[in-house]
Amino acid sequence: NQQCTECQASFTHHVWRACVQVRQKVTHKRTFLYLEQVLLKHGMTSQCLGITEQRDGIDFFFSSRSHAQAFVTFLHSVVPVEAKQSKRLVSHDHKSNIAKFKYTFFVEIAPVCRGDLVIVPSKARTKLGGRSPIVLAYKITSALYLIDPTSLHVIEFNSSQYFTHRFESIASSKDFSLFFVMAVKHLVTLGLDILFFSFQKHNKFQLAEVELVRENEVGTDGAMILETVTHLGGIIREGDTVCGYDLQRLSNAREFLNTNTEFLRYTRKMKLPDVIIVKKNYNRSGRHARKRKWKLKTLPKEKAYEVDKHTQQKEEEDAEEFMRELEEDLEMRLKINIYKDREKLERIARGGDDVASIATSEGHEDVPKIPIDELLDDLNELKLDEVKNPNHERMPDKGKNKDEDEDLEDIN
């Protein structure tokens, strides 16, 4: 009753032969929360020997270089990335002239996330037809999709184009301000842009002139009326609250101008709108997270850093923001697996304490929710008679010896 050599190595630390280091230079972890769910859905971590969470990313360890290369190829199909490879000599057999290496793949994710405010560099703007430089990132897949909120013009950057020009966000969700919608006037366009028709079909992206008031100035004398044109005319109504970038206050911030020379150069030539609206703000109660009837699975990660109270609070805020994005975006939900929270559903069926609160939340029809028919059953919870075997032995994959040979190189 002994394990084979490969299985013994898989349960031993520091025996990896390839490591994939995924990094993104942003102040939040929402991208990695989404990436984690995509990896779980497609089972891309089944060959991992271990997963370590770093402050700015995640490390994945594999037993062979081919598994790591397949993992990096999958990342290219999910998010815009740039990968670099290096190797380190581990041992060298002088008689057979064969060397053994450990491989490291460094994968950098583009530091632009959904809802970020971006200024496209002038060189890239010229190649793409001279569009407006101030745009919003509204969708991130294997490419970046940027939209001009004042004209509905869309710019697409694939991984190669982005890392050639390399631009970053000038403002992100931490710079959001809340505004109260006073009036909405939908604009009539000629409809010559084919992409505009596709947006009209989804009834979300429509041009509209909007009058706004800062939320902290609502009901006060002399409140300033801010005017802008938004791409979200299909979902914004009078009396709503929206999140956006207050360009008047951003442009007056000295720290903002010192770090964004491209923005300062553009403001000298063109007139900016007062506000750029990013999304509609829904009135969620403080107990909204407890009322969710669904849950997400997580990868078995080990943290390589100490988590203090501030870090834990920041990670909880990122997780809550990610779950709210899932509730608001059907397209994102289709790319991952969301499971029923059977414990919470059973409490509801028994008439537990959460029934009243959940019923109250369902009264707010405006707050997005994930329909119950979109949720999956967790098969692990359904196997009630399954006995977990802590000494479960993993069988080696077919072609294991072939993968092992790939890490041995004849240096002749």
Protein backbone atom coordinates (compact mmCIF):
# COMPACT_ATOMS: atom_id res chain seq x y z
CA ASN A 1 0.00 0.00 0.00
CA GLN A 2 2.54 2.55 -1.13
CA GLN A 3 2.15 5.52 -3.40
CA CYS A 4 3.97 5.77 -6.68
CA THR A 5 6.81 8.24 -7.08
CA GLU A 6 4.66 10.82 -8.86
CA CYS A 7 1.95 10.77 -6.17
CA GLN A 8 4.52 11.06 -3.40
CA ALA A 9 5.97 14.11 -5.12
CA SER A 10 2.53 15.70 -5.52
CA PHE A 11 2.01 15.64 -1.74
CA THR A 12 5.50 16.94 -0.96
CA HIS A 13 6.38 20.62 -0.78
CA HIS A 14 8.93 22.29 -3.08
CA VAL A 15 8.77 19.58 -5.76
CA TRP A 16 7.10 21.74 -8.40
CA ARG A 17 8.72 22.02 -11.80
CA ALA A 18 6.76 24.98 -13.19
CA CYS A 19 5.25 28.02 -11.53
CA VAL A 20 2.79 30.53 -13.03
CA GLN A 21 2.87 33.91 -11.28
CA VAL A 22 -0.22 35.96 -12.12
CA ARG A 23 -0.05 39.64 -11.18
CA GLN A 24 -2.12 42.81 -11.64
CA LYS A 25 -1.03 46.26 -10.48
CA VAL A 26 -4.31 47.53 -9.03
CA THR A 27 -5.55 48.34 -5.52
CA HIS A 28 -8.29 45.70 -5.41
CA LYS A 29 -8.72 41.97 -6.07
CA ARG A 30 -11.98 41.89 -8.02
CA THR A 31 -10.19 40.67 -11.15
CA PHE A 32 -8.74 37.70 -9.27
CA LEU A 33 -12.13 36.92 -7.72
CA TYR A 34 -13.58 36.69 -11.22
CA LEU A 35 -10.59 34.74 -12.54
CA GLU A 36 -10.92 32.28 -9.65
CA GLN A 37 -14.52 31.49 -10.59
CA VAL A 38 -13.64 30.99 -14.27
CA LEU A 39 -10.82 28.61 -13.33
CA LEU A 40 -13.18 26.63 -11.11
CA LYS A 41 -15.79 26.33 -13.84
CA HIS A 42 -13.32 24.97 -16.40
CA GLY A 43 -11.33 22.86 -13.92
CA MET A 44 -8.04 24.47 -14.88
CA THR A 45 -6.52 23.97 -11.43
CA SER A 46 -6.91 20.18 -11.38
CA GLN A 47 -3.19 19.76 -12.19
CA CYS A 48 -2.00 22.28 -9.60
CA LEU A 49 0.27 21.03 -6.83
CA GLY A 50 -0.43 24.13 -4.80
CA ILE A 51 -1.88 27.66 -4.96
CA THR A 52 -0.41 30.56 -3.02
CA GLU A 53 -2.11 33.95 -2.74
CA GLN A 54 0.16 37.00 -2.81
CA ARG A 55 -0.72 40.61 -2.06
CA ASP A 56 -0.81 41.53 -5.74
CA GLY A 57 -1.68 38.18 -7.33
CA ILE A 58 -1.67 34.39 -7.14
CA ASP A 59 1.03 31.74 -7.73
CA PHE A 60 0.10 28.39 -9.30
CA PHE A 61 2.51 25.45 -9.05
CA PHE A 62 2.56 22.52 -11.49
CA SER A 63 4.42 19.24 -11.80
CA SER A 64 5.40 19.79 -15.45
CA ARG A 65 6.03 22.61 -17.87
CA SER A 66 3.31 21.43 -20.27
CA HIS A 67 0.62 21.85 -17.60
CA ALA A 68 1.84 25.37 -16.88
CA GLN A 69 1.88 26.26 -20.59
CA ALA A 70 -1.70 25.04 -20.99
CA PHE A 71 -2.70 27.15 -17.98
CA VAL A 72 -1.08 30.27 -19.45
CA THR A 73 -2.81 29.64 -22.79
CA PHE A 74 -6.15 29.53 -20.98
CA LEU A 75 -5.41 32.84 -19.24
CA HIS A 76 -4.87 34.44 -22.65
CA SER A 77 -8.44 33.47 -23.57
CA VAL A 78 -9.97 34.96 -20.40
CA VAL A 79 -8.24 38.28 -19.67
CA PRO A 80 -5.76 40.54 -21.54
CA VAL A 81 -2.35 39.34 -20.38
CA GLU A 82 1.32 39.39 -21.29
CA ALA A 83 3.43 36.36 -20.38
CA LYS A 84 7.19 35.97 -19.95
CA GLN A 85 9.09 32.76 -19.29
CA SER A 86 12.32 32.02 -17.46
CA LYS A 87 14.08 28.89 -16.24
CA ARG A 88 16.54 27.99 -13.50
CA LEU A 89 18.99 25.11 -13.47
CA VAL A 90 18.24 22.56 -10.74
CA SER A 91 20.62 19.70 -11.50
CA HIS A 92 23.01 18.61 -14.21
CA ASP A 93 24.14 15.07 -15.03
CA HIS A 94 27.61 15.43 -16.54
CA LYS A 95 27.77 11.83 -17.71
CA SER A 96 24.56 11.86 -19.75
CA ASN A 97 24.80 15.63 -20.35
CA ILE A 98 21.16 16.14 -19.29
CA ALA A 99 20.05 19.13 -17.21
CA LYS A 100 16.92 19.54 -15.10
CA PHE A 101 15.24 22.96 -14.91
CA LYS A 102 12.48 24.71 -13.01
CA TYR A 103 10.34 27.05 -15.12
CA THR A 104 8.62 30.26 -14.09
CA PHE A 105 5.92 32.00 -16.14
CA PHE A 106 5.23 35.61 -15.20
CA VAL A 107 1.76 36.66 -16.36
CA GLU A 108 0.78 40.32 -16.09
CA ILE A 109 -2.90 41.24 -16.35
CA ALA A 110 -3.70 44.62 -17.89
CA PRO A 111 -4.26 47.08 -14.99
CA VAL A 112 -7.57 48.34 -16.42
CA CYS A 113 -10.81 47.10 -14.85
CA ARG A 114 -14.51 47.54 -15.48
CA GLY A 115 -15.71 51.04 -14.79
CA ASP A 116 -12.25 52.62 -14.92
CA LEU A 117 -11.78 56.00 -16.58
CA VAL A 118 -9.12 55.82 -19.29
CA ILE A 119 -7.37 58.30 -21.57
CA VAL A 120 -6.23 56.60 -24.76
CA PRO A 121 -2.72 57.72 -25.83
CA SER A 122 -2.56 59.89 -28.92
CA LYS A 123 -0.61 57.31 -30.99
CA ALA A 124 -3.16 54.59 -30.33
CA ARG A 125 -6.02 57.02 -30.91
CA THR A 126 -4.68 57.92 -34.35
CA LYS A 127 -4.46 54.29 -35.44
CA LEU A 128 -8.03 53.64 -34.24
CA GLY A 129 -9.63 56.49 -36.18
CA GLY A 130 -9.19 59.50 -33.92
CA ARG A 131 -11.88 58.70 -31.35
CA SER A 132 -12.42 60.69 -28.18
CA PRO A 133 -9.54 60.09 -25.76
CA ILE A 134 -11.64 59.98 -22.56
CA VAL A 135 -13.42 56.61 -22.45
CA LEU A 136 -14.81 54.08 -19.97
CA ALA A 137 -13.84 50.43 -19.72
CA TYR A 138 -17.22 48.67 -19.82
CA LYS A 139 -16.19 45.06 -20.56
CA ILE A 140 -13.03 43.02 -20.00
CA THR A 141 -12.53 39.70 -21.76
CA SER A 142 -9.45 38.61 -23.68
CA ALA A 143 -9.57 42.19 -24.95
CA LEU A 144 -10.37 45.61 -23.47
CA TYR A 145 -13.62 47.21 -24.61
CA LEU A 146 -13.72 50.98 -24.11
CA ILE A 147 -16.77 53.13 -24.80
CA ASP A 148 -17.11 56.87 -25.30
CA PRO A 149 -20.14 57.72 -23.10
CA THR A 150 -20.96 60.81 -25.16
CA SER A 151 -21.15 59.11 -28.58
CA LEU A 152 -21.41 55.30 -28.00
CA HIS A 153 -18.22 54.79 -30.03
CA VAL A 154 -16.42 51.62 -28.93
CA ILE A 155 -12.67 50.94 -29.03
CA GLU A 156 -11.31 47.42 -28.73
CA PHE A 157 -7.77 46.65 -27.60
CA ASN A 158 -6.52 43.08 -27.76
CA SER A 159 -3.61 41.98 -25.55
CA SER A 160 -0.98 42.76 -28.16
CA GLN A 161 -2.33 46.25 -28.85
CA TYR A 162 -2.68 47.14 -25.19
CA PHE A 163 0.80 46.06 -24.11
CA THR A 164 2.27 47.87 -27.11
CA HIS A 165 0.82 51.24 -26.02
CA ARG A 166 0.54 50.51 -22.26
CA PHE A 167 -1.84 53.03 -20.71
CA GLU A 168 -3.38 52.92 -17.25
CA SER A 169 -6.57 54.14 -15.64
CA ILE A 170 -6.68 57.75 -14.49
CA ALA A 171 -9.55 57.03 -12.07
CA SER A 172 -11.19 53.91 -10.65
CA SER A 173 -14.05 52.92 -8.36
CA LYS A 174 -12.34 54.49 -5.33
CA ASP A 175 -12.90 57.89 -7.02
CA PHE A 176 -16.66 57.39 -7.45
CA SER A 177 -19.07 60.14 -6.39
CA LEU A 178 -22.84 59.81 -5.94
CA PHE A 179 -25.26 62.00 -7.89
CA PHE A 180 -29.02 62.46 -7.84
CA VAL A 181 -30.72 62.46 -11.25
CA MET A 182 -32.92 65.53 -11.74
CA ALA A 183 -33.89 65.13 -15.41
CA VAL A 184 -33.28 62.74 -18.32
CA LYS A 185 -33.73 63.58 -22.00
CA HIS A 186 -33.09 60.82 -24.53
CA LEU A 187 -31.24 61.85 -27.68
CA VAL A 188 -32.38 60.93 -31.18
CA THR A 189 -29.51 59.76 -33.37
CA LEU A 190 -29.29 58.93 -37.03
CA GLY A 191 -28.51 55.31 -36.17
CA LEU A 192 -25.71 55.03 -38.72
CA ASP A 193 -23.48 53.10 -36.33
CA ILE A 194 -24.22 49.38 -36.55
CA LEU A 195 -22.92 48.91 -33.03
CA PHE A 196 -25.50 51.41 -31.79
CA PHE A 197 -28.29 49.15 -33.03
CA SER A 198 -26.86 46.22 -31.06
CA PHE A 199 -26.84 48.40 -27.95
CA GLN A 200 -30.43 49.46 -28.59
CA LYS A 201 -31.41 45.80 -28.76
CA HIS A 202 -30.16 45.27 -25.20
CA ASN A 203 -32.06 48.42 -24.12
CA LYS A 204 -29.24 49.56 -21.84
CA PHE A 205 -26.83 51.71 -23.82
CA GLN A 206 -28.76 54.72 -25.11
CA LEU A 207 -27.58 58.31 -25.36
CA ALA A 208 -29.30 60.74 -23.03
CA GLU A 209 -28.73 64.21 -21.65
CA VAL A 210 -28.85 64.15 -17.86
CA GLU A 211 -29.06 66.86 -15.21
CA LEU A 212 -27.45 65.87 -11.91
CA VAL A 213 -26.96 67.20 -8.41
CA ARG A 214 -24.30 65.96 -6.01
CA GLU A 215 -25.95 63.75 -3.43
CA ASN A 216 -24.61 65.74 -0.49
CA GLU A 217 -26.11 68.93 -2.01
CA VAL A 218 -29.63 67.60 -2.56
CA GLY A 219 -32.20 69.83 -0.83
CA THR A 220 -29.75 72.66 -0.15
CA ASP A 221 -30.03 76.19 -1.44
CA GLY A 222 -27.78 76.99 -4.37
CA ALA A 223 -27.11 73.36 -5.30
CA MET A 224 -25.12 73.24 -8.54
CA ILE A 225 -26.81 71.60 -11.54
CA LEU A 226 -24.34 69.42 -13.44
CA GLU A 227 -24.99 68.52 -17.08
CA THR A 228 -23.62 65.57 -19.00
CA VAL A 229 -24.35 63.06 -21.74
CA THR A 230 -24.44 59.42 -20.74
CA HIS A 231 -24.56 56.06 -22.50
CA LEU A 232 -26.88 54.58 -19.84
CA GLY A 233 -30.07 56.31 -20.91
CA GLY A 234 -31.84 52.97 -21.13
CA ILE A 235 -31.77 52.32 -17.38
CA ILE A 236 -31.52 55.76 -15.75
CA ARG A 237 -34.70 57.56 -14.71
CA GLU A 238 -35.51 60.74 -12.82
CA GLY A 239 -35.05 60.24 -9.09
CA ASP A 240 -32.33 57.59 -9.44
CA THR A 241 -28.92 57.73 -7.85
CA VAL A 242 -25.88 57.10 -10.05
CA CYS A 243 -22.17 56.57 -9.51
CA GLY A 244 -19.74 58.52 -11.64
CA TYR A 245 -16.62 60.61 -11.86
CA ASP A 246 -16.90 64.26 -10.84
CA LEU A 247 -14.47 65.69 -13.36
CA GLN A 248 -14.68 69.17 -11.87
CA ARG A 249 -13.33 67.97 -8.55
CA LEU A 250 -10.90 65.50 -10.11
CA SER A 251 -9.41 68.14 -12.40
CA ASN A 252 -8.90 70.47 -9.41
CA ALA A 253 -7.06 67.85 -7.36
CA ARG A 254 -3.35 68.65 -7.51
CA GLU A 255 -2.28 65.05 -6.89
CA PHE A 256 -4.55 63.88 -9.72
CA LEU A 257 -3.11 66.37 -12.21
CA ASN A 258 0.50 65.67 -11.27
CA THR A 259 0.09 61.96 -12.01
CA ASN A 260 -2.03 62.33 -15.17
CA THR A 261 -0.24 64.62 -17.61
CA GLU A 262 -2.18 63.20 -20.57
CA PHE A 263 -5.44 64.31 -18.92
CA LEU A 264 -4.06 67.80 -18.30
CA ARG A 265 -2.90 68.08 -21.92
CA TYR A 266 -6.35 67.12 -23.19
CA THR A 267 -8.26 69.53 -20.90
CA ARG A 268 -6.32 72.46 -22.34
CA LYS A 269 -7.72 71.76 -25.80
CA MET A 270 -11.21 70.33 -25.21
CA LYS A 271 -14.12 71.09 -22.90
CA LEU A 272 -14.94 68.28 -20.52
CA PRO A 273 -18.39 67.22 -19.34
CA ASP A 274 -19.12 67.90 -15.69
CA VAL A 275 -19.67 64.23 -14.85
CA ILE A 276 -19.06 60.85 -16.47
CA ILE A 277 -21.69 58.38 -15.27
CA VAL A 278 -20.43 54.82 -14.78
CA LYS A 279 -23.38 52.88 -13.38
CA LYS A 280 -26.70 53.11 -11.61
CA ASN A 281 -26.54 52.97 -7.82
CA TYR A 282 -29.08 50.65 -6.21
CA ASN A 283 -30.41 51.16 -2.70
CA ARG A 284 -29.11 48.03 -1.01
CA SER A 285 -29.59 47.62 2.71
CA GLY A 286 -26.73 46.78 5.04
CA ARG A 287 -28.08 43.22 5.44
CA HIS A 288 -28.24 42.57 1.71
CA ALA A 289 -25.34 40.10 1.81
CA ARG A 290 -27.17 37.95 4.38
CA LYS A 291 -30.22 37.77 2.13
CA ARG A 292 -28.49 36.16 -0.82
CA LYS A 293 -29.71 32.67 -1.66
CA TRP A 294 -26.56 31.77 -3.58
CA LYS A 295 -22.88 31.25 -2.97
CA LEU A 296 -19.59 30.82 -4.80
CA LYS A 297 -16.89 28.21 -4.45
CA THR A 298 -13.29 29.16 -3.74
CA LEU A 299 -9.90 27.70 -4.58
CA PRO A 300 -7.85 26.06 -1.80
CA LYS A 301 -5.28 28.85 -1.45
CA GLU A 302 -2.58 29.55 1.09
CA LYS A 303 -1.88 33.18 1.94
CA ALA A 304 1.77 34.19 1.74
CA TYR A 305 1.19 37.40 3.71
CA GLU A 306 -0.22 38.43 7.04
CA VAL A 307 -3.82 39.63 7.06
CA ASP A 308 -4.45 42.45 9.52
CA LYS A 309 -7.80 44.02 10.32
CA HIS A 310 -7.54 46.65 7.60
CA THR A 311 -6.55 44.10 4.93
CA GLN A 312 -9.39 41.78 5.90
CA GLN A 313 -11.91 44.60 5.70
CA LYS A 314 -10.60 45.63 2.27
CA GLU A 315 -10.86 42.06 0.96
CA GLU A 316 -14.42 41.76 2.28
CA GLU A 317 -15.35 45.00 0.52
CA ASP A 318 -13.85 43.73 -2.76
CA ALA A 319 -15.79 40.46 -2.43
CA GLU A 320 -19.04 42.34 -1.79
CA GLU A 321 -18.45 44.62 -4.78
CA PHE A 322 -17.73 41.59 -6.97
CA MET A 323 -20.98 39.90 -5.90
CA ARG A 324 -22.92 43.07 -6.68
CA GLU A 325 -21.39 43.12 -10.16
CA LEU A 326 -22.59 39.54 -10.65
CA GLU A 327 -26.12 40.52 -9.65
CA GLU A 328 -26.12 43.42 -12.12
CA ASP A 329 -24.41 41.72 -15.09
CA LEU A 330 -26.00 38.67 -16.73
CA GLU A 331 -23.16 38.32 -19.23
CA MET A 332 -20.63 37.91 -16.41
CA ARG A 333 -22.81 35.34 -14.64
CA LEU A 334 -22.94 33.18 -17.76
CA LYS A 335 -19.17 32.69 -17.60
CA ILE A 336 -19.06 31.22 -14.09
CA ASN A 337 -20.91 28.74 -11.88
CA ILE A 338 -23.18 30.06 -9.12
CA TYR A 339 -24.59 27.58 -6.62
CA LYS A 340 -27.65 27.47 -4.39
CA ASP A 341 -27.02 28.13 -0.72
CA ARG A 342 -28.91 25.10 0.54
CA GLU A 343 -28.50 25.99 4.22
CA LYS A 344 -30.14 29.35 3.71
CA LEU A 345 -32.88 27.89 1.52
CA GLU A 346 -33.62 25.24 4.16
CA ARG A 347 -33.90 27.92 6.84
CA ILE A 348 -36.36 29.77 4.64
CA ALA A 349 -38.40 26.58 4.15
CA ARG A 350 -38.46 26.01 7.93
CA GLY A 351 -39.50 29.60 8.55
CA GLY A 352 -36.24 30.72 10.10
CA ASP A 353 -35.19 34.18 11.25
CA ASP A 354 -34.11 35.24 7.77
CA VAL A 355 -37.57 34.84 6.23
CA ALA A 356 -38.78 38.29 7.18
CA SER A 357 -35.59 40.00 6.05
CA ILE A 358 -35.56 38.13 2.73
CA ALA A 359 -39.18 38.95 2.11
CA THR A 360 -38.41 42.58 2.82
CA SER A 361 -35.54 42.53 0.32
CA GLU A 362 -37.74 41.03 -2.36
CA GLY A 363 -40.03 44.01 -1.94
CA HIS A 364 -37.32 46.24 -3.44
CA GLU A 365 -37.93 45.27 -7.05
CA ASP A 366 -35.37 47.73 -8.33
CA VAL A 367 -32.44 45.93 -6.67
CA PRO A 368 -30.93 43.35 -9.08
CA LYS A 369 -31.11 39.73 -7.95
CA ILE A 370 -29.97 36.44 -9.41
CA PRO A 371 -33.02 34.33 -10.34
CA ILE A 372 -33.24 30.98 -8.62
CA ASP A 373 -33.42 29.16 -11.97
CA GLU A 374 -29.88 30.37 -12.80
CA LEU A 375 -28.41 28.67 -9.72
CA LEU A 376 -26.82 25.23 -9.76
CA ASP A 377 -27.06 22.45 -7.20
CA ASP A 378 -23.83 21.74 -5.39
CA LEU A 379 -23.27 18.03 -6.04
CA ASN A 380 -20.92 17.74 -3.06
CA GLU A 381 -23.78 18.68 -0.76
CA LEU A 382 -26.16 16.22 -2.40
CA LYS A 383 -23.90 13.22 -1.64
CA LEU A 384 -24.85 12.97 2.01
CA ASP A 385 -23.54 9.42 2.44
CA GLU A 386 -20.16 10.19 0.92
CA VAL A 387 -17.30 9.49 3.33
CA LYS A 388 -14.27 11.66 2.81
CA ASN A 389 -11.07 9.66 2.74
CA PRO A 390 -8.16 11.79 3.96
CA ASN A 391 -5.69 9.24 2.58
CA HIS A 392 -7.18 9.34 -0.90
CA GLU A 393 -4.49 8.57 -3.42
CA ARG A 394 -4.36 10.42 -6.72
CA MET A 395 -3.70 8.29 -9.75
CA PRO A 396 -1.01 9.58 -12.09
CA ASP A 397 -2.26 11.06 -15.35
CA LYS A 398 -1.70 9.33 -18.62
CA GLY A 399 1.39 10.64 -20.29
CA LYS A 400 2.96 11.58 -16.96
CA ASN A 401 6.33 10.20 -17.95
CA LYS A 402 6.14 12.18 -21.14
CA ASP A 403 5.56 15.41 -19.23
CA GLU A 404 8.39 14.54 -16.89
CA ASP A 405 10.73 14.09 -19.81
CA GLU A 406 9.87 17.58 -21.03
CA ASP A 407 11.58 19.06 -17.98
CA LEU A 408 14.81 17.20 -18.79
CA GLU A 409 16.81 18.81 -21.53
CA ASP A 410 19.76 17.45 -23.43
CA ILE A 411 22.19 20.35 -23.36
CA ASN A 412 24.30 19.02 -26.22
